[in-house]
Amino acid sequence: MTRRAMLYGTALLTAAAVVSHAWDAVAQQLITPPDIYMPLVQTADDDNVFWYYVAGLSSGANAAWIAQSGKPLFCKPHGFSDHDATRDVILTFLATLDDINETTILEAVVPGAFALAYPCDEGPAL
């Protein structure tokens, strides 16, 4: 690898880290209760930006878990554009819960749903 390529890669990683930290501060303020996300899970069409948020939650949780533990939270999930599969993953997870209340926020449900639906070879990460 050339020195220029290494510098370019370092610059990109630094920029990504700065953006990540800035968005992390914003993301920590977001809490989506069931009365907001349940109608979207059930009825959002393929063009709804809700699915981008769900994809960000799942991939962000997986990346954070890898950074923390060295192992993925979930493995080999379905493709991003398969919103029906995403809907099924979330609804199946919610069906396993004893109680769904204001503390059952989307930001915790999505990572748990994907961990349950797509366990890694060594079993679920949770």
C-alpha atoms as a PDB file:
ATOM      1  CA  MET A   1       0.000   0.000   0.000  1.00  0.00           C
ATOM      2  CA  THR A   2       1.371   3.396  -0.903  1.00  0.00           C
ATOM      3  CA  ARG A   3       1.856   6.182   1.570  1.00  0.00           C
ATOM      4  CA  ARG A   4      -0.713   8.279  -0.268  1.00  0.00           C
ATOM      5  CA  ALA A   5      -3.323   5.531  -0.034  1.00  0.00           C
ATOM      6  CA  MET A   6      -2.630   5.130   3.686  1.00  0.00           C
ATOM      7  CA  LEU A   7      -3.002   8.881   4.258  1.00  0.00           C
ATOM      8  CA  TYR A   8      -6.221   8.923   2.266  1.00  0.00           C
ATOM      9  CA  GLY A   9      -7.584   5.971   4.249  1.00  0.00           C
ATOM     10  CA  THR A  10      -6.605   7.620   7.531  1.00  0.00           C
ATOM     11  CA  ALA A  11      -8.323  10.847   6.503  1.00  0.00           C
ATOM     12  CA  LEU A  12     -11.509   8.958   5.618  1.00  0.00           C
ATOM     13  CA  LEU A  13     -11.493   7.071   8.919  1.00  0.00           C
ATOM     14  CA  THR A  14     -10.932  10.296  10.841  1.00  0.00           C
ATOM     15  CA  ALA A  15     -13.774  12.020   9.012  1.00  0.00           C
ATOM     16  CA  ALA A  16     -16.070   9.053   9.635  1.00  0.00           C
ATOM     17  CA  ALA A  17     -15.195   9.090  13.340  1.00  0.00           C
ATOM     18  CA  VAL A  18     -15.953  12.808  13.647  1.00  0.00           C
ATOM     19  CA  VAL A  19     -19.300  12.423  11.879  1.00  0.00           C
ATOM     20  CA  SER A  20     -20.067   9.335  13.955  1.00  0.00           C
ATOM     21  CA  HIS A  21     -19.447  11.175  17.228  1.00  0.00           C
ATOM     22  CA  ALA A  22     -21.576  14.116  16.129  1.00  0.00           C
ATOM     23  CA  TRP A  23     -24.459  11.868  15.107  1.00  0.00           C
ATOM     24  CA  ASP A  24     -24.013   9.791  18.258  1.00  0.00           C
ATOM     25  CA  ALA A  25     -24.883  12.840  20.333  1.00  0.00           C
ATOM     26  CA  VAL A  26     -28.030  13.362  18.269  1.00  0.00           C
ATOM     27  CA  ALA A  27     -28.941   9.664  18.235  1.00  0.00           C
ATOM     28  CA  GLN A  28     -28.750   9.419  22.007  1.00  0.00           C
ATOM     29  CA  GLN A  29     -31.640  11.857  22.164  1.00  0.00           C
ATOM     30  CA  LEU A  30     -33.931   9.793  19.952  1.00  0.00           C
ATOM     31  CA  ILE A  31     -36.466   7.554  21.613  1.00  0.00           C
ATOM     32  CA  THR A  32     -39.257   6.095  19.522  1.00  0.00           C
ATOM     33  CA  PRO A  33     -42.081   4.606  21.621  1.00  0.00           C
ATOM     34  CA  PRO A  34     -44.407   1.867  20.324  1.00  0.00           C
ATOM     35  CA  ASP A  35     -47.297   4.234  19.653  1.00  0.00           C
ATOM     36  CA  ILE A  36     -45.093   5.932  17.056  1.00  0.00           C
ATOM     37  CA  TYR A  37     -43.324   2.964  15.440  1.00  0.00           C
ATOM     38  CA  MET A  38     -45.975   0.214  15.521  1.00  0.00           C
ATOM     39  CA  PRO A  39     -48.163   1.838  12.833  1.00  0.00           C
ATOM     40  CA  LEU A  40     -45.053   2.340  10.700  1.00  0.00           C
ATOM     41  CA  VAL A  41     -43.864  -1.244  11.136  1.00  0.00           C
ATOM     42  CA  GLN A  42     -47.279  -2.486  10.121  1.00  0.00           C
ATOM     43  CA  THR A  43     -48.069  -0.175   7.212  1.00  0.00           C
ATOM     44  CA  ALA A  44     -45.010   1.734   5.947  1.00  0.00           C
ATOM     45  CA  ASP A  45     -44.509   1.253   2.234  1.00  0.00           C
ATOM     46  CA  ASP A  46     -41.160   0.615   0.584  1.00  0.00           C
ATOM     47  CA  ASP A  47     -40.537   4.323  -0.040  1.00  0.00           C
ATOM     48  CA  ASN A  48     -40.921   5.355   3.593  1.00  0.00           C
ATOM     49  CA  VAL A  49     -37.763   6.761   5.235  1.00  0.00           C
ATOM     50  CA  PHE A  50     -38.653   4.762   8.338  1.00  0.00           C
ATOM     51  CA  TRP A  51     -36.909   1.750   6.780  1.00  0.00           C
ATOM     52  CA  TYR A  52     -33.669   3.732   6.455  1.00  0.00           C
ATOM     53  CA  TYR A  53     -33.840   4.514  10.155  1.00  0.00           C
ATOM     54  CA  VAL A  54     -34.431   0.844  11.006  1.00  0.00           C
ATOM     55  CA  ALA A  55     -31.497  -0.172   8.792  1.00  0.00           C
ATOM     56  CA  GLY A  56     -29.317   2.389  10.556  1.00  0.00           C
ATOM     57  CA  LEU A  57     -30.370   1.070  13.954  1.00  0.00           C
ATOM     58  CA  SER A  58     -29.581  -2.517  13.039  1.00  0.00           C
ATOM     59  CA  SER A  59     -26.268  -1.878  11.330  1.00  0.00           C
ATOM     60  CA  GLY A  60     -25.206   0.638  13.973  1.00  0.00           C
ATOM     61  CA  ALA A  61     -26.002  -1.790  16.775  1.00  0.00           C
ATOM     62  CA  ASN A  62     -24.089  -4.556  15.012  1.00  0.00           C
ATOM     63  CA  ALA A  63     -21.068  -2.296  14.487  1.00  0.00           C
ATOM     64  CA  ALA A  64     -21.142  -1.101  18.097  1.00  0.00           C
ATOM     65  CA  TRP A  65     -21.398  -4.682  19.356  1.00  0.00           C
ATOM     66  CA  ILE A  66     -18.419  -5.703  17.214  1.00  0.00           C
ATOM     67  CA  ALA A  67     -16.414  -2.734  18.500  1.00  0.00           C
ATOM     68  CA  GLN A  68     -17.272  -3.621  22.103  1.00  0.00           C
ATOM     69  CA  SER A  69     -17.064  -7.417  22.087  1.00  0.00           C
ATOM     70  CA  GLY A  70     -15.125  -8.336  18.965  1.00  0.00           C
ATOM     71  CA  LYS A  71     -18.086 -10.434  17.778  1.00  0.00           C
ATOM     72  CA  PRO A  72     -21.176  -9.487  15.775  1.00  0.00           C
ATOM     73  CA  LEU A  73     -24.559  -9.064  17.391  1.00  0.00           C
ATOM     74  CA  PHE A  74     -26.183 -10.861  14.450  1.00  0.00           C
ATOM     75  CA  CYS A  75     -24.975 -12.541  11.264  1.00  0.00           C
ATOM     76  CA  LYS A  76     -26.127 -12.750   7.634  1.00  0.00           C
ATOM     77  CA  PRO A  77     -29.335 -10.693   7.795  1.00  0.00           C
ATOM     78  CA  HIS A  78     -31.680 -10.256   4.847  1.00  0.00           C
ATOM     79  CA  GLY A  79     -31.045  -7.433   2.389  1.00  0.00           C
ATOM     80  CA  PHE A  80     -31.853  -3.825   3.229  1.00  0.00           C
ATOM     81  CA  SER A  81     -34.501  -3.497   0.528  1.00  0.00           C
ATOM     82  CA  ASP A  82     -36.561  -6.453   1.786  1.00  0.00           C
ATOM     83  CA  HIS A  83     -38.888  -4.423   3.993  1.00  0.00           C
ATOM     84  CA  ASP A  84     -41.372  -7.257   4.366  1.00  0.00           C
ATOM     85  CA  ALA A  85     -38.627  -9.386   5.943  1.00  0.00           C
ATOM     86  CA  THR A  86     -37.684  -6.495   8.229  1.00  0.00           C
ATOM     87  CA  ARG A  87     -41.325  -6.092   9.238  1.00  0.00           C
ATOM     88  CA  ASP A  88     -41.548  -9.839  10.003  1.00  0.00           C
ATOM     89  CA  VAL A  89     -38.307  -9.775  12.042  1.00  0.00           C
ATOM     90  CA  ILE A  90     -39.559  -6.905  14.203  1.00  0.00           C
ATOM     91  CA  LEU A  91     -43.075  -8.287  14.675  1.00  0.00           C
ATOM     92  CA  THR A  92     -41.760 -11.774  15.512  1.00  0.00           C
ATOM     93  CA  PHE A  93     -39.484 -10.274  18.166  1.00  0.00           C
ATOM     94  CA  LEU A  94     -42.289  -8.183  19.633  1.00  0.00           C
ATOM     95  CA  ALA A  95     -44.419 -11.336  19.898  1.00  0.00           C
ATOM     96  CA  THR A  96     -41.775 -12.831  22.230  1.00  0.00           C
ATOM     97  CA  LEU A  97     -42.122  -9.992  24.736  1.00  0.00           C
ATOM     98  CA  ASP A  98     -44.371 -10.281  27.761  1.00  0.00           C
ATOM     99  CA  ASP A  99     -45.247  -6.606  27.780  1.00  0.00           C
ATOM    100  CA  ILE A 100     -44.980  -3.835  25.230  1.00  0.00           C
ATOM    101  CA  ASN A 101     -45.106  -0.429  26.868  1.00  0.00           C
ATOM    102  CA  GLU A 102     -43.510   3.027  26.528  1.00  0.00           C
ATOM    103  CA  THR A 103     -40.115   1.562  27.470  1.00  0.00           C
ATOM    104  CA  THR A 104     -40.166  -0.844  24.512  1.00  0.00           C
ATOM    105  CA  ILE A 105     -38.465   1.689  22.290  1.00  0.00           C
ATOM    106  CA  LEU A 106     -37.622   1.024  18.649  1.00  0.00           C
ATOM    107  CA  GLU A 107     -33.945   1.758  19.292  1.00  0.00           C
ATOM    108  CA  ALA A 108     -33.791  -1.337  21.547  1.00  0.00           C
ATOM    109  CA  VAL A 109     -36.305  -3.499  19.678  1.00  0.00           C
ATOM    110  CA  VAL A 110     -34.508  -3.472  16.323  1.00  0.00           C
ATOM    111  CA  PRO A 111     -31.129  -4.760  17.599  1.00  0.00           C
ATOM    112  CA  GLY A 112     -32.864  -7.412  19.693  1.00  0.00           C
ATOM    113  CA  ALA A 113     -35.050  -8.470  16.773  1.00  0.00           C
ATOM    114  CA  PHE A 114     -32.099  -8.904  14.440  1.00  0.00           C
ATOM    115  CA  ALA A 115     -30.056 -10.743  17.095  1.00  0.00           C
ATOM    116  CA  LEU A 116     -32.939 -13.173  17.587  1.00  0.00           C
ATOM    117  CA  ALA A 117     -33.651 -13.633  13.869  1.00  0.00           C
ATOM    118  CA  TYR A 118     -30.045 -13.920  12.674  1.00  0.00           C
ATOM    119  CA  PRO A 119     -27.913 -15.599  15.306  1.00  0.00           C
ATOM    120  CA  CYS A 120     -24.277 -16.217  14.499  1.00  0.00           C
ATOM    121  CA  ASP A 121     -22.781 -19.724  14.242  1.00  0.00           C
ATOM    122  CA  GLU A 122     -21.879 -19.748  17.919  1.00  0.00           C
ATOM    123  CA  GLY A 123     -25.458 -18.917  18.871  1.00  0.00           C
ATOM    124  CA  PRO A 124     -27.212 -15.660  19.637  1.00  0.00           C
ATOM    125  CA  ALA A 125     -24.936 -12.857  20.742  1.00  0.00           C
ATOM    126  CA  LEU A 126     -27.454 -11.749  23.369  1.00  0.00           C
END
